[in-house]
């Protein structure tokens, strides 16, 4: 069920990486491709009253996995994005763990 939210990149960039990134993450995350959701979220970055250039930020919502798996997934996301946005931008990846008893699909929870 990994759900990836992308900010600080264009819709076209998310569309462009959607297949290759999921194909890369499937064996790392241990989830089938159809369980992945990628979401493009338009965002403006603001600092001290001014709109400023942002940087790619990817939030990953998923059920907790071992740290070595998380490290590999973060590296894969960074590598795929880096190929599209270049070397000059920082790329942030944030993981949020979901608790199965708090996650419902069709009114049934996972825990």
PDB file of N, CA and C in Angstrom:
ATOM      1  N   UNK A   1       0.793  -1.193   0.000  1.00  0.00           N
ATOM      2  CA  UNK A   1       0.000   0.000   0.000  1.00  0.00           C
ATOM      3  C   UNK A   1       0.834   1.256   0.000  1.00  0.00           C
ATOM      4  N   UNK A   2       2.071   1.219  -0.314  1.00  0.00           N
ATOM      5  CA  UNK A   2       2.807   2.478  -0.254  1.00  0.00           C
ATOM      6  C   UNK A   2       2.113   3.580  -1.045  1.00  0.00           C
ATOM      7  N   UNK A   3       1.969   4.724  -0.386  1.00  0.00           N
ATOM      8  CA  UNK A   3       1.369   5.908  -0.998  1.00  0.00           C
ATOM      9  C   UNK A   3       2.438   6.981  -1.014  1.00  0.00           C
ATOM     10  N   UNK A   4       2.812   7.451  -2.198  1.00  0.00           N
ATOM     11  CA  UNK A   4       3.865   8.455  -2.347  1.00  0.00           C
ATOM     12  C   UNK A   4       3.249   9.766  -2.794  1.00  0.00           C
ATOM     13  N   UNK A   5       3.528  10.822  -2.046  1.00  0.00           N
ATOM     14  CA  UNK A   5       3.055  12.168  -2.372  1.00  0.00           C
ATOM     15  C   UNK A   5       4.250  13.013  -2.806  1.00  0.00           C
ATOM     16  N   UNK A   6       4.136  13.626  -3.952  1.00  0.00           N
ATOM     17  CA  UNK A   6       5.226  14.414  -4.529  1.00  0.00           C
ATOM     18  C   UNK A   6       4.895  15.894  -4.478  1.00  0.00           C
ATOM     19  N   UNK A   7       5.813  16.674  -3.919  1.00  0.00           N
ATOM     20  CA  UNK A   7       5.729  18.141  -3.922  1.00  0.00           C
ATOM     21  C   UNK A   7       7.040  18.683  -4.469  1.00  0.00           C
ATOM     22  N   UNK A   8       6.990  19.889  -5.007  1.00  0.00           N
ATOM     23  CA  UNK A   8       8.213  20.534  -5.468  1.00  0.00           C
ATOM     24  C   UNK A   8       8.727  20.007  -6.798  1.00  0.00           C
ATOM     25  N   UNK A   9       7.897  19.234  -7.488  1.00  0.00           N
ATOM     26  CA  UNK A   9       8.218  18.769  -8.839  1.00  0.00           C
ATOM     27  C   UNK A   9       6.961  18.952  -9.687  1.00  0.00           C
ATOM     28  N   UNK A  10       7.133  18.938 -10.970  1.00  0.00           N
ATOM     29  CA  UNK A  10       5.990  19.140 -11.861  1.00  0.00           C
ATOM     30  C   UNK A  10       5.159  17.859 -12.009  1.00  0.00           C
ATOM     31  N   UNK A  11       3.937  18.047 -12.426  1.00  0.00           N
ATOM     32  CA  UNK A  11       3.052  16.913 -12.743  1.00  0.00           C
ATOM     33  C   UNK A  11       3.708  16.026 -13.795  1.00  0.00           C
ATOM     34  N   UNK A  12       4.327  16.654 -14.790  1.00  0.00           N
ATOM     35  CA  UNK A  12       4.979  15.889 -15.860  1.00  0.00           C
ATOM     36  C   UNK A  12       6.111  15.023 -15.310  1.00  0.00           C
ATOM     37  N   UNK A  13       6.855  15.545 -14.347  1.00  0.00           N
ATOM     38  CA  UNK A  13       7.935  14.759 -13.743  1.00  0.00           C
ATOM     39  C   UNK A  13       7.368  13.535 -13.033  1.00  0.00           C
ATOM     40  N   UNK A  14       6.291  13.712 -12.284  1.00  0.00           N
ATOM     41  CA  UNK A  14       5.675  12.569 -11.588  1.00  0.00           C
ATOM     42  C   UNK A  14       5.150  11.563 -12.602  1.00  0.00           C
ATOM     43  N   UNK A  15       4.516  12.035 -13.669  1.00  0.00           N
ATOM     44  CA  UNK A  15       4.033  11.126 -14.704  1.00  0.00           C
ATOM     45  C   UNK A  15       5.200  10.376 -15.342  1.00  0.00           C
ATOM     46  N   UNK A  16       6.290  11.095 -15.593  1.00  0.00           N
ATOM     47  CA  UNK A  16       7.437  10.499 -16.260  1.00  0.00           C
ATOM     48  C   UNK A  16       8.088   9.405 -15.416  1.00  0.00           C
ATOM     49  N   UNK A  17       8.145   9.591 -14.115  1.00  0.00           N
ATOM     50  CA  UNK A  17       8.828   8.602 -13.268  1.00  0.00           C
ATOM     51  C   UNK A  17       7.903   7.521 -12.734  1.00  0.00           C
ATOM     52  N   UNK A  18       6.611   7.660 -12.940  1.00  0.00           N
ATOM     53  CA  UNK A  18       5.652   6.782 -12.275  1.00  0.00           C
ATOM     54  C   UNK A  18       5.864   5.295 -12.548  1.00  0.00           C
ATOM     55  N   UNK A  19       6.114   4.905 -13.755  1.00  0.00           N
ATOM     56  CA  UNK A  19       6.285   3.477 -14.048  1.00  0.00           C
ATOM     57  C   UNK A  19       7.643   2.972 -13.587  1.00  0.00           C
ATOM     58  N   UNK A  20       8.701   3.670 -13.942  1.00  0.00           N
ATOM     59  CA  UNK A  20      10.036   3.179 -13.587  1.00  0.00           C
ATOM     60  C   UNK A  20      10.246   3.158 -12.076  1.00  0.00           C
ATOM     61  N   UNK A  21       9.710   4.163 -11.369  1.00  0.00           N
ATOM     62  CA  UNK A  21       9.882   4.189  -9.921  1.00  0.00           C
ATOM     63  C   UNK A  21       9.140   3.031  -9.268  1.00  0.00           C
ATOM     64  N   UNK A  22       7.903   2.825  -9.652  1.00  0.00           N
ATOM     65  CA  UNK A  22       7.143   1.710  -9.069  1.00  0.00           C
ATOM     66  C   UNK A  22       7.813   0.381  -9.397  1.00  0.00           C
ATOM     67  N   UNK A  23       8.264   0.207 -10.630  1.00  0.00           N
ATOM     68  CA  UNK A  23       8.959  -1.032 -11.003  1.00  0.00           C
ATOM     69  C   UNK A  23      10.200  -1.255 -10.136  1.00  0.00           C
ATOM     70  N   UNK A  24      10.888  -0.170  -9.795  1.00  0.00           N
ATOM     71  CA  UNK A  24      12.076  -0.262  -8.940  1.00  0.00           C
ATOM     72  C   UNK A  24      11.700  -0.572  -7.497  1.00  0.00           C
ATOM     73  N   UNK A  25      10.590   0.006  -7.024  1.00  0.00           N
ATOM     74  CA  UNK A  25      10.215  -0.143  -5.616  1.00  0.00           C
ATOM     75  C   UNK A  25       9.512  -1.453  -5.286  1.00  0.00           C
ATOM     76  N   UNK A  26       8.874  -2.075  -6.268  1.00  0.00           N
ATOM     77  CA  UNK A  26       8.125  -3.314  -6.012  1.00  0.00           C
ATOM     78  C   UNK A  26       8.970  -4.358  -5.267  1.00  0.00           C
ATOM     79  N   UNK A  27      10.147  -4.736  -5.771  1.00  0.00           N
ATOM     80  CA  UNK A  27      10.914  -5.754  -5.040  1.00  0.00           C
ATOM     81  C   UNK A  27      11.504  -5.236  -3.718  1.00  0.00           C
ATOM     82  N   UNK A  28      11.764  -3.948  -3.638  1.00  0.00           N
ATOM     83  CA  UNK A  28      12.330  -3.394  -2.405  1.00  0.00           C
ATOM     84  C   UNK A  28      11.298  -3.338  -1.280  1.00  0.00           C
ATOM     85  N   UNK A  29      10.103  -2.892  -1.612  1.00  0.00           N
ATOM     86  CA  UNK A  29       9.053  -2.715  -0.609  1.00  0.00           C
ATOM     87  C   UNK A  29       8.269  -3.988  -0.342  1.00  0.00           C
ATOM     88  N   UNK A  30       8.357  -4.940  -1.262  1.00  0.00           N
ATOM     89  CA  UNK A  30       7.609  -6.183  -1.082  1.00  0.00           C
ATOM     90  C   UNK A  30       6.116  -6.004  -1.288  1.00  0.00           C
ATOM     91  N   UNK A  31       5.735  -5.048  -2.107  1.00  0.00           N
ATOM     92  CA  UNK A  31       4.329  -4.805  -2.418  1.00  0.00           C
ATOM     93  C   UNK A  31       4.142  -4.903  -3.924  1.00  0.00           C
ATOM     94  N   UNK A  32       3.017  -5.448  -4.378  1.00  0.00           N
ATOM     95  CA  UNK A  32       2.776  -5.508  -5.820  1.00  0.00           C
ATOM     96  C   UNK A  32       2.532  -4.110  -6.389  1.00  0.00           C
ATOM     97  N   UNK A  33       2.799  -3.942  -7.653  1.00  0.00           N
ATOM     98  CA  UNK A  33       2.685  -2.644  -8.319  1.00  0.00           C
ATOM     99  C   UNK A  33       1.303  -2.026  -8.151  1.00  0.00           C
ATOM    100  N   UNK A  34       0.256  -2.850  -8.173  1.00  0.00           N
ATOM    101  CA  UNK A  34      -1.099  -2.311  -8.076  1.00  0.00           C
ATOM    102  C   UNK A  34      -1.419  -1.754  -6.689  1.00  0.00           C
ATOM    103  N   UNK A  35      -0.564  -2.008  -5.698  1.00  0.00           N
ATOM    104  CA  UNK A  35      -0.788  -1.457  -4.360  1.00  0.00           C
ATOM    105  C   UNK A  35      -0.161  -0.077  -4.172  1.00  0.00           C
ATOM    106  N   UNK A  36       0.629   0.377  -5.130  1.00  0.00           N
ATOM    107  CA  UNK A  36       1.272   1.691  -5.032  1.00  0.00           C
ATOM    108  C   UNK A  36       0.321   2.779  -5.513  1.00  0.00           C
ATOM    109  N   UNK A  37       0.357   3.907  -4.823  1.00  0.00           N
ATOM    110  CA  UNK A  37      -0.364   5.098  -5.243  1.00  0.00           C
ATOM    111  C   UNK A  37       0.638   6.235  -5.298  1.00  0.00           C
ATOM    112  N   UNK A  38       0.674   6.949  -6.412  1.00  0.00           N
ATOM    113  CA  UNK A  38       1.516   8.133  -6.550  1.00  0.00           C
ATOM    114  C   UNK A  38       0.594   9.322  -6.696  1.00  0.00           C
ATOM    115  N   UNK A  39       0.868  10.373  -5.930  1.00  0.00           N
ATOM    116  CA  UNK A  39       0.017  11.557  -5.914  1.00  0.00           C
ATOM    117  C   UNK A  39       0.869  12.797  -6.170  1.00  0.00           C
ATOM    118  N   UNK A  40       0.439  13.610  -7.105  1.00  0.00           N
ATOM    119  CA  UNK A  40       1.083  14.883  -7.387  1.00  0.00           C
ATOM    120  C   UNK A  40       0.350  15.959  -6.604  1.00  0.00           C
ATOM    121  N   UNK A  41       1.090  16.715  -5.804  1.00  0.00           N
ATOM    122  CA  UNK A  41       0.500  17.801  -5.026  1.00  0.00           C
ATOM    123  C   UNK A  41       1.191  19.106  -5.416  1.00  0.00           C
ATOM    124  N   UNK A  42       0.473  20.008  -6.106  1.00  0.00           N
ATOM    125  CA  UNK A  42       1.075  21.292  -6.433  1.00  0.00           C
ATOM    126  C   UNK A  42       1.382  22.049  -5.138  1.00  0.00           C
ATOM    127  N   UNK A  43       2.522  22.683  -5.083  1.00  0.00           N
ATOM    128  CA  UNK A  43       2.910  23.383  -3.856  1.00  0.00           C
ATOM    129  C   UNK A  43       3.721  24.628  -4.182  1.00  0.00           C
ATOM    130  N   UNK A  44       3.575  25.622  -3.335  1.00  0.00           N
ATOM    131  CA  UNK A  44       4.435  26.793  -3.377  1.00  0.00           C
ATOM    132  C   UNK A  44       5.194  26.833  -2.067  1.00  0.00           C
ATOM    133  N   UNK A  45       6.459  27.136  -2.145  1.00  0.00           N
ATOM    134  CA  UNK A  45       7.291  27.243  -0.963  1.00  0.00           C
ATOM    135  C   UNK A  45       7.408  28.728  -0.611  1.00  0.00           C
ATOM    136  N   UNK A  46       7.247  29.048   0.654  1.00  0.00           N
ATOM    137  CA  UNK A  46       7.242  30.426   1.113  1.00  0.00           C
ATOM    138  C   UNK A  46       8.247  30.582   2.239  1.00  0.00           C
ATOM    139  N   UNK A  47       9.017  31.673   2.168  1.00  0.00           N
ATOM    140  CA  UNK A  47       9.989  31.977   3.224  1.00  0.00           C
ATOM    141  C   UNK A  47       9.986  33.477   3.462  1.00  0.00           C
ATOM    142  N   UNK A  48       9.704  33.868   4.691  1.00  0.00           N
ATOM    143  CA  UNK A  48       9.705  35.273   5.112  1.00  0.00           C
ATOM    144  C   UNK A  48       8.895  36.166   4.171  1.00  0.00           C
ATOM    145  N   UNK A  49       7.696  35.692   3.847  1.00  0.00           N
ATOM    146  CA  UNK A  49       6.783  36.497   3.060  1.00  0.00           C
ATOM    147  C   UNK A  49       6.976  36.458   1.560  1.00  0.00           C
ATOM    148  N   UNK A  50       7.895  35.625   1.085  1.00  0.00           N
ATOM    149  CA  UNK A  50       8.166  35.544  -0.345  1.00  0.00           C
ATOM    150  C   UNK A  50       8.047  34.107  -0.839  1.00  0.00           C
ATOM    151  N   UNK A  51       7.501  33.968  -2.039  1.00  0.00           N
ATOM    152  CA  UNK A  51       7.504  32.657  -2.688  1.00  0.00           C
ATOM    153  C   UNK A  51       8.936  32.395  -3.149  1.00  0.00           C
ATOM    154  N   UNK A  52       9.453  31.226  -2.790  1.00  0.00           N
ATOM    155  CA  UNK A  52      10.839  30.876  -3.107  1.00  0.00           C
ATOM    156  C   UNK A  52      10.866  29.554  -3.855  1.00  0.00           C
ATOM    157  N   UNK A  53      11.950  29.307  -4.580  1.00  0.00           N
ATOM    158  CA  UNK A  53      12.055  28.003  -5.251  1.00  0.00           C
ATOM    159  C   UNK A  53      12.044  26.877  -4.219  1.00  0.00           C
ATOM    160  N   UNK A  54      11.349  25.839  -4.534  1.00  0.00           N
ATOM    161  CA  UNK A  54      11.293  24.696  -3.639  1.00  0.00           C
ATOM    162  C   UNK A  54      12.263  23.623  -4.070  1.00  0.00           C
ATOM    163  N   UNK A  55      12.109  22.472  -3.471  1.00  0.00           N
ATOM    164  CA  UNK A  55      12.915  21.313  -3.818  1.00  0.00           C
ATOM    165  C   UNK A  55      12.004  20.097  -3.789  1.00  0.00           C
ATOM    166  N   UNK A  56      12.378  19.047  -4.482  1.00  0.00           N
ATOM    167  CA  UNK A  56      11.539  17.848  -4.484  1.00  0.00           C
ATOM    168  C   UNK A  56      11.408  17.264  -3.076  1.00  0.00           C
ATOM    169  N   UNK A  57      10.182  17.009  -2.695  1.00  0.00           N
ATOM    170  CA  UNK A  57       9.884  16.418  -1.397  1.00  0.00           C
ATOM    171  C   UNK A  57       8.898  15.279  -1.625  1.00  0.00           C
ATOM    172  N   UNK A  58       9.264  14.101  -1.192  1.00  0.00           N
ATOM    173  CA  UNK A  58       8.415  12.921  -1.365  1.00  0.00           C
ATOM    174  C   UNK A  58       8.060  12.384   0.013  1.00  0.00           C
ATOM    175  N   UNK A  59       6.766  12.291   0.276  1.00  0.00           N
ATOM    176  CA  UNK A  59       6.287  11.683   1.511  1.00  0.00           C
ATOM    177  C   UNK A  59       5.849  10.259   1.181  1.00  0.00           C
ATOM    178  N   UNK A  60       6.313   9.314   1.961  1.00  0.00           N
ATOM    179  CA  UNK A  60       5.958   7.912   1.762  1.00  0.00           C
ATOM    180  C   UNK A  60       5.128   7.469   2.965  1.00  0.00           C
ATOM    181  N   UNK A  61       3.885   7.131   2.713  1.00  0.00           N
ATOM    182  CA  UNK A  61       3.010   6.589   3.748  1.00  0.00           C
ATOM    183  C   UNK A  61       2.935   5.083   3.532  1.00  0.00           C
ATOM    184  N   UNK A  62       3.292   4.317   4.569  1.00  0.00           N
ATOM    185  CA  UNK A  62       3.264   2.869   4.430  1.00  0.00           C
ATOM    186  C   UNK A  62       3.290   2.210   5.790  1.00  0.00           C
ATOM    187  N   UNK A  63       3.055   0.895   5.786  1.00  0.00           N
ATOM    188  CA  UNK A  63       3.210   0.115   7.004  1.00  0.00           C
ATOM    189  C   UNK A  63       4.707  -0.067   7.238  1.00  0.00           C
ATOM    190  N   UNK A  64       5.110   0.037   8.488  1.00  0.00           N
ATOM    191  CA  UNK A  64       6.538   0.036   8.824  1.00  0.00           C
ATOM    192  C   UNK A  64       7.254  -1.197   8.277  1.00  0.00           C
ATOM    193  N   UNK A  65       8.465  -0.948   7.803  1.00  0.00           N
ATOM    194  CA  UNK A  65       9.349  -1.985   7.295  1.00  0.00           C
ATOM    195  C   UNK A  65      10.710  -1.795   7.957  1.00  0.00           C
ATOM    196  N   UNK A  66      11.587  -2.781   7.857  1.00  0.00           N
ATOM    197  CA  UNK A  66      12.914  -2.639   8.472  1.00  0.00           C
ATOM    198  C   UNK A  66      13.670  -1.436   7.909  1.00  0.00           C
ATOM    199  N   UNK A  67      14.554  -0.866   8.729  1.00  0.00           N
ATOM    200  CA  UNK A  67      15.291   0.331   8.336  1.00  0.00           C
ATOM    201  C   UNK A  67      16.107   0.120   7.068  1.00  0.00           C
ATOM    202  N   UNK A  68      16.686  -1.069   6.878  1.00  0.00           N
ATOM    203  CA  UNK A  68      17.477  -1.295   5.663  1.00  0.00           C
ATOM    204  C   UNK A  68      16.599  -1.229   4.418  1.00  0.00           C
ATOM    205  N   UNK A  69      15.352  -1.670   4.518  1.00  0.00           N
ATOM    206  CA  UNK A  69      14.410  -1.571   3.396  1.00  0.00           C
ATOM    207  C   UNK A  69      14.061  -0.102   3.155  1.00  0.00           C
ATOM    208  N   UNK A  70      13.792   0.611   4.230  1.00  0.00           N
ATOM    209  CA  UNK A  70      13.476   2.033   4.113  1.00  0.00           C
ATOM    210  C   UNK A  70      14.636   2.790   3.478  1.00  0.00           C
ATOM    211  N   UNK A  71      15.870   2.478   3.892  1.00  0.00           N
ATOM    212  CA  UNK A  71      17.048   3.125   3.307  1.00  0.00           C
ATOM    213  C   UNK A  71      17.141   2.878   1.805  1.00  0.00           C
ATOM    214  N   UNK A  72      16.874   1.650   1.390  1.00  0.00           N
ATOM    215  CA  UNK A  72      16.937   1.310  -0.033  1.00  0.00           C
ATOM    216  C   UNK A  72      15.845   2.018  -0.826  1.00  0.00           C
ATOM    217  N   UNK A  73      14.660   2.119  -0.247  1.00  0.00           N
ATOM    218  CA  UNK A  73      13.555   2.800  -0.918  1.00  0.00           C
ATOM    219  C   UNK A  73      13.864   4.294  -1.045  1.00  0.00           C
ATOM    220  N   UNK A  74      14.391   4.905   0.018  1.00  0.00           N
ATOM    221  CA  UNK A  74      14.759   6.326  -0.044  1.00  0.00           C
ATOM    222  C   UNK A  74      15.823   6.561  -1.115  1.00  0.00           C
ATOM    223  N   UNK A  75      16.811   5.675  -1.178  1.00  0.00           N
ATOM    224  CA  UNK A  75      17.873   5.810  -2.185  1.00  0.00           C
ATOM    225  C   UNK A  75      17.313   5.665  -3.598  1.00  0.00           C
ATOM    226  N   UNK A  76      16.388   4.729  -3.797  1.00  0.00           N
ATOM    227  CA  UNK A  76      15.802   4.520  -5.123  1.00  0.00           C
ATOM    228  C   UNK A  76      14.972   5.727  -5.547  1.00  0.00           C
ATOM    229  N   UNK A  77      14.168   6.270  -4.626  1.00  0.00           N
ATOM    230  CA  UNK A  77      13.365   7.451  -4.947  1.00  0.00           C
ATOM    231  C   UNK A  77      14.282   8.612  -5.320  1.00  0.00           C
ATOM    232  N   UNK A  78      15.328   8.807  -4.527  1.00  0.00           N
ATOM    233  CA  UNK A  78      16.276   9.892  -4.784  1.00  0.00           C
ATOM    234  C   UNK A  78      16.955   9.724  -6.135  1.00  0.00           C
ATOM    235  N   UNK A  79      17.370   8.508  -6.446  1.00  0.00           N
ATOM    236  CA  UNK A  79      18.077   8.252  -7.701  1.00  0.00           C
ATOM    237  C   UNK A  79      17.176   8.516  -8.915  1.00  0.00           C
ATOM    238  N   UNK A  80      15.948   8.032  -8.857  1.00  0.00           N
ATOM    239  CA  UNK A  80      15.030   8.226  -9.982  1.00  0.00           C
ATOM    240  C   UNK A  80      14.708   9.713 -10.156  1.00  0.00           C
ATOM    241  N   UNK A  81      14.454  10.414  -9.054  1.00  0.00           N
ATOM    242  CA  UNK A  81      14.176  11.847  -9.145  1.00  0.00           C
ATOM    243  C   UNK A  81      15.403  12.624  -9.610  1.00  0.00           C
ATOM    244  N   UNK A  82      16.568  12.265  -9.087  1.00  0.00           N
ATOM    245  CA  UNK A  82      17.815  12.964  -9.435  1.00  0.00           C
ATOM    246  C   UNK A  82      18.037  12.951 -10.950  1.00  0.00           C
ATOM    247  N   UNK A  83      17.711  11.825 -11.589  1.00  0.00           N
ATOM    248  CA  UNK A  83      17.899  11.712 -13.040  1.00  0.00           C
ATOM    249  C   UNK A  83      17.014  12.701 -13.794  1.00  0.00           C
ATOM    250  N   UNK A  84      15.907  13.128 -13.177  1.00  0.00           N
ATOM    251  CA  UNK A  84      14.974  14.030 -13.858  1.00  0.00           C
ATOM    252  C   UNK A  84      15.132  15.493 -13.460  1.00  0.00           C
ATOM    253  N   UNK A  85      15.583  15.753 -12.221  1.00  0.00           N
ATOM    254  CA  UNK A  85      15.655  17.143 -11.755  1.00  0.00           C
ATOM    255  C   UNK A  85      17.079  17.688 -11.703  1.00  0.00           C
ATOM    256  N   UNK A  86      18.072  16.830 -11.890  1.00  0.00           N
ATOM    257  CA  UNK A  86      19.453  17.279 -11.884  1.00  0.00           C
ATOM    258  C   UNK A  86      20.102  17.177 -10.520  1.00  0.00           C
ATOM    259  N   UNK A  87      21.373  17.558 -10.483  1.00  0.00           N
ATOM    260  CA  UNK A  87      22.184  17.395  -9.277  1.00  0.00           C
ATOM    261  C   UNK A  87      22.124  18.573  -8.315  1.00  0.00           C
ATOM    262  N   UNK A  88      21.613  19.718  -8.759  1.00  0.00           N
ATOM    263  CA  UNK A  88      21.717  20.919  -7.940  1.00  0.00           C
ATOM    264  C   UNK A  88      20.680  21.008  -6.823  1.00  0.00           C
ATOM    265  N   UNK A  89      19.599  20.257  -6.891  1.00  0.00           N
ATOM    266  CA  UNK A  89      18.541  20.339  -5.890  1.00  0.00           C
ATOM    267  C   UNK A  89      18.701  19.289  -4.797  1.00  0.00           C
ATOM    268  N   UNK A  90      18.374  19.687  -3.574  1.00  0.00           N
ATOM    269  CA  UNK A  90      18.240  18.714  -2.496  1.00  0.00           C
ATOM    270  C   UNK A  90      16.960  17.923  -2.763  1.00  0.00           C
ATOM    271  N   UNK A  91      16.941  16.666  -2.370  1.00  0.00           N
ATOM    272  CA  UNK A  91      15.736  15.846  -2.505  1.00  0.00           C
ATOM    273  C   UNK A  91      15.412  15.290  -1.126  1.00  0.00           C
ATOM    274  N   UNK A  92      14.213  15.599  -0.651  1.00  0.00           N
ATOM    275  CA  UNK A  92      13.785  15.107   0.655  1.00  0.00           C
ATOM    276  C   UNK A  92      12.832  13.936   0.507  1.00  0.00           C
ATOM    277  N   UNK A  93      13.015  12.935   1.362  1.00  0.00           N
ATOM    278  CA  UNK A  93      12.106  11.784   1.414  1.00  0.00           C
ATOM    279  C   UNK A  93      11.728  11.601   2.876  1.00  0.00           C
ATOM    280  N   UNK A  94      10.437  11.603   3.158  1.00  0.00           N
ATOM    281  CA  UNK A  94       9.935  11.486   4.524  1.00  0.00           C
ATOM    282  C   UNK A  94       9.030  10.257   4.601  1.00  0.00           C
ATOM    283  N   UNK A  95       9.267   9.413   5.602  1.00  0.00           N
ATOM    284  CA  UNK A  95       8.450   8.220   5.795  1.00  0.00           C
ATOM    285  C   UNK A  95       7.506   8.427   6.972  1.00  0.00           C
ATOM    286  N   UNK A  96       6.248   8.085   6.759  1.00  0.00           N
ATOM    287  CA  UNK A  96       5.248   8.085   7.825  1.00  0.00           C
ATOM    288  C   UNK A  96       4.683   6.681   7.913  1.00  0.00           C
ATOM    289  N   UNK A  97       4.747   6.120   9.114  1.00  0.00           N
ATOM    290  CA  UNK A  97       4.243   4.763   9.309  1.00  0.00           C
ATOM    291  C   UNK A  97       2.755   4.780   9.608  1.00  0.00           C
ATOM    292  N   UNK A  98       2.048   3.912   8.930  1.00  0.00           N
ATOM    293  CA  UNK A  98       0.627   3.730   9.164  1.00  0.00           C
ATOM    294  C   UNK A  98       0.431   2.544  10.091  1.00  0.00           C
ATOM    295  N   UNK A  99      -0.548   2.657  10.942  1.00  0.00           N
ATOM    296  CA  UNK A  99      -0.907   1.575  11.838  1.00  0.00           C
ATOM    297  C   UNK A  99      -2.110   0.870  11.222  1.00  0.00           C
ATOM    298  N   UNK A 100      -2.023  -0.437  11.061  1.00  0.00           N
ATOM    299  CA  UNK A 100      -3.078  -1.189  10.400  1.00  0.00           C
ATOM    300  C   UNK A 100      -4.450  -0.997  11.009  1.00  0.00           C
ATOM    301  N   UNK A 101      -4.526  -0.826  12.317  1.00  0.00           N
ATOM    302  CA  UNK A 101      -5.840  -0.650  12.937  1.00  0.00           C
ATOM    303  C   UNK A 101      -6.421   0.732  12.667  1.00  0.00           C
ATOM    304  N   UNK A 102      -5.593   1.663  12.181  1.00  0.00           N
ATOM    305  CA  UNK A 102      -6.062   3.010  11.858  1.00  0.00           C
ATOM    306  C   UNK A 102      -6.218   3.231  10.361  1.00  0.00           C
ATOM    307  N   UNK A 103      -5.972   2.205   9.567  1.00  0.00           N
ATOM    308  CA  UNK A 103      -6.078   2.316   8.116  1.00  0.00           C
ATOM    309  C   UNK A 103      -7.225   1.430   7.644  1.00  0.00           C
ATOM    310  N   UNK A 104      -8.200   2.036   7.004  1.00  0.00           N
ATOM    311  CA  UNK A 104      -9.389   1.321   6.556  1.00  0.00           C
ATOM    312  C   UNK A 104      -9.486   1.344   5.037  1.00  0.00           C
ATOM    313  N   UNK A 105      -9.902   0.240   4.495  1.00  0.00           N
ATOM    314  CA  UNK A 105     -10.223   0.152   3.085  1.00  0.00           C
ATOM    315  C   UNK A 105     -11.567  -0.546   2.989  1.00  0.00           C
ATOM    316  N   UNK A 106     -12.542   0.146   2.402  1.00  0.00           N
ATOM    317  CA  UNK A 106     -13.904  -0.372   2.312  1.00  0.00           C
ATOM    318  C   UNK A 106     -14.442  -0.758   3.689  1.00  0.00           C
ATOM    319  N   UNK A 107     -14.199   0.084   4.660  1.00  0.00           N
ATOM    320  CA  UNK A 107     -14.641  -0.004   6.042  1.00  0.00           C
ATOM    321  C   UNK A 107     -14.002  -1.136   6.858  1.00  0.00           C
ATOM    322  N   UNK A 108     -12.988  -1.779   6.325  1.00  0.00           N
ATOM    323  CA  UNK A 108     -12.271  -2.821   7.071  1.00  0.00           C
ATOM    324  C   UNK A 108     -10.838  -2.362   7.341  1.00  0.00           C
ATOM    325  N   UNK A 109     -10.410  -2.503   8.602  1.00  0.00           N
ATOM    326  CA  UNK A 109      -9.051  -2.088   8.931  1.00  0.00           C
ATOM    327  C   UNK A 109      -8.079  -3.239   8.729  1.00  0.00           C
ATOM    328  N   UNK A 110      -6.785  -2.908   8.689  1.00  0.00           N
ATOM    329  CA  UNK A 110      -5.745  -3.882   8.388  1.00  0.00           C
ATOM    330  C   UNK A 110      -5.094  -4.466   9.632  1.00  0.00           C
ATOM    331  N   UNK A 111      -5.548  -4.120  10.822  1.00  0.00           N
ATOM    332  CA  UNK A 111      -4.834  -4.593  12.018  1.00  0.00           C
ATOM    333  C   UNK A 111      -5.672  -5.289  13.009  1.00  0.00           C
TER     334      UNK A 111
END
